[in-house]
Amino acid sequence: MIEFPNQPDFPEQHTAVAVGTINMSQQAIRVLIENATEKASILTIARVAAIQSIKQTANLIPLHLPGRIIGVQLISILTLSWPA
């Protein structure tokens, strides 16, 4: 949620939803599932990157008004599908 104080033309809160898909090799999927990295969890790094990008929304999207972020919810769903 983002608040826009003192903006009569805008509602007090806006909600944004972003969805993405990542395609990767079977080996990369195995590393992700087993969390077999030496330094940090891959999903934790992805969550931190998502939060950092949310903070930079006003700089990344043209004509986007800056606002105060009051909440973030990140959901990761792993769906496996193999080519036929």
Protein backbone atom coordinates (compact mmCIF):
# COMPACT_ATOMS: atom_id res chain seq x y z
CA MET A 1 0.00 0.00 0.00
CA ILE A 2 1.18 3.51 -0.76
CA GLU A 3 -0.23 6.65 0.86
CA PHE A 4 -0.45 10.01 -0.91
CA PRO A 5 -0.90 12.66 1.81
CA ASN A 6 -2.52 16.00 0.89
CA GLN A 7 -3.45 14.84 -2.63
CA PRO A 8 -7.18 15.61 -3.09
CA ASP A 9 -7.31 14.00 -6.57
CA PHE A 10 -6.08 10.62 -5.34
CA PRO A 11 -7.55 8.10 -2.91
CA GLU A 12 -5.57 7.75 0.30
CA GLN A 13 -4.27 4.29 -0.56
CA HIS A 14 -3.31 2.47 -3.74
CA THR A 15 -2.59 -1.21 -4.16
CA ALA A 16 -0.20 -2.59 -6.77
CA VAL A 17 0.19 -6.21 -7.83
CA ALA A 18 3.16 -7.58 -9.77
CA VAL A 19 3.51 -11.11 -11.11
CA GLY A 20 6.53 -12.68 -12.76
CA THR A 21 7.68 -15.96 -14.25
CA ILE A 22 11.20 -17.33 -14.26
CA ASN A 23 12.30 -20.18 -16.52
CA MET A 24 15.42 -22.09 -15.50
CA SER A 25 17.29 -25.31 -16.08
CA GLN A 26 16.62 -28.50 -14.12
CA GLN A 27 19.97 -28.09 -12.38
CA ALA A 28 19.09 -24.55 -11.25
CA ILE A 29 15.70 -25.76 -10.00
CA ARG A 30 17.40 -28.52 -8.01
CA VAL A 31 19.73 -25.96 -6.37
CA LEU A 32 16.73 -23.76 -5.55
CA ILE A 33 14.67 -26.59 -4.03
CA GLU A 34 17.58 -28.00 -2.02
CA ASN A 35 18.79 -24.50 -1.05
CA ALA A 36 22.23 -25.74 -2.05
CA THR A 37 24.07 -22.43 -2.20
CA GLU A 38 27.14 -21.62 -0.16
CA LYS A 39 26.26 -18.10 1.01
CA ALA A 40 22.54 -17.34 1.28
CA SER A 41 19.08 -18.58 0.44
CA ILE A 42 18.13 -17.77 -3.15
CA LEU A 43 14.53 -16.93 -2.20
CA THR A 44 15.71 -14.62 0.60
CA ILE A 45 17.89 -12.72 -1.87
CA ALA A 46 14.92 -12.50 -4.27
CA ARG A 47 12.71 -11.09 -1.49
CA VAL A 48 15.30 -8.44 -0.61
CA ALA A 49 15.60 -7.49 -4.30
CA ALA A 50 11.80 -7.20 -4.56
CA ILE A 51 11.60 -4.91 -1.53
CA GLN A 52 14.44 -2.74 -2.87
CA SER A 53 12.67 -2.40 -6.23
CA ILE A 54 9.43 -1.41 -4.47
CA LYS A 55 11.30 1.37 -2.70
CA GLN A 56 12.55 2.65 -6.08
CA THR A 57 9.16 2.56 -7.88
CA ALA A 58 8.90 6.35 -8.25
CA ASN A 59 12.35 6.41 -9.89
CA LEU A 60 11.71 3.45 -12.20
CA ILE A 61 8.23 4.21 -13.59
CA PRO A 62 7.77 7.43 -15.57
CA LEU A 63 5.15 9.83 -14.16
CA HIS A 64 4.76 7.78 -10.97
CA LEU A 65 4.19 9.96 -7.93
CA PRO A 66 6.31 9.15 -4.89
CA GLY A 67 4.39 7.93 -1.87
CA ARG A 68 4.96 6.35 1.52
CA ILE A 69 5.01 2.54 1.43
CA ILE A 70 3.00 1.17 4.34
CA GLY A 71 3.02 -2.54 3.55
CA VAL A 72 4.59 -5.22 1.37
CA GLN A 73 3.48 -8.80 0.92
CA LEU A 74 5.65 -11.18 -1.10
CA ILE A 75 4.47 -14.65 -2.07
CA SER A 76 6.74 -17.16 -3.81
CA ILE A 77 5.12 -20.13 -5.54
CA LEU A 78 7.28 -22.78 -7.14
CA THR A 79 5.55 -24.61 -9.98
CA LEU A 80 7.43 -27.29 -11.84
CA SER A 81 6.55 -28.23 -15.39
CA TRP A 82 8.69 -30.27 -17.73
CA PRO A 83 8.65 -30.06 -21.52
CA ALA A 84 6.65 -32.85 -23.17
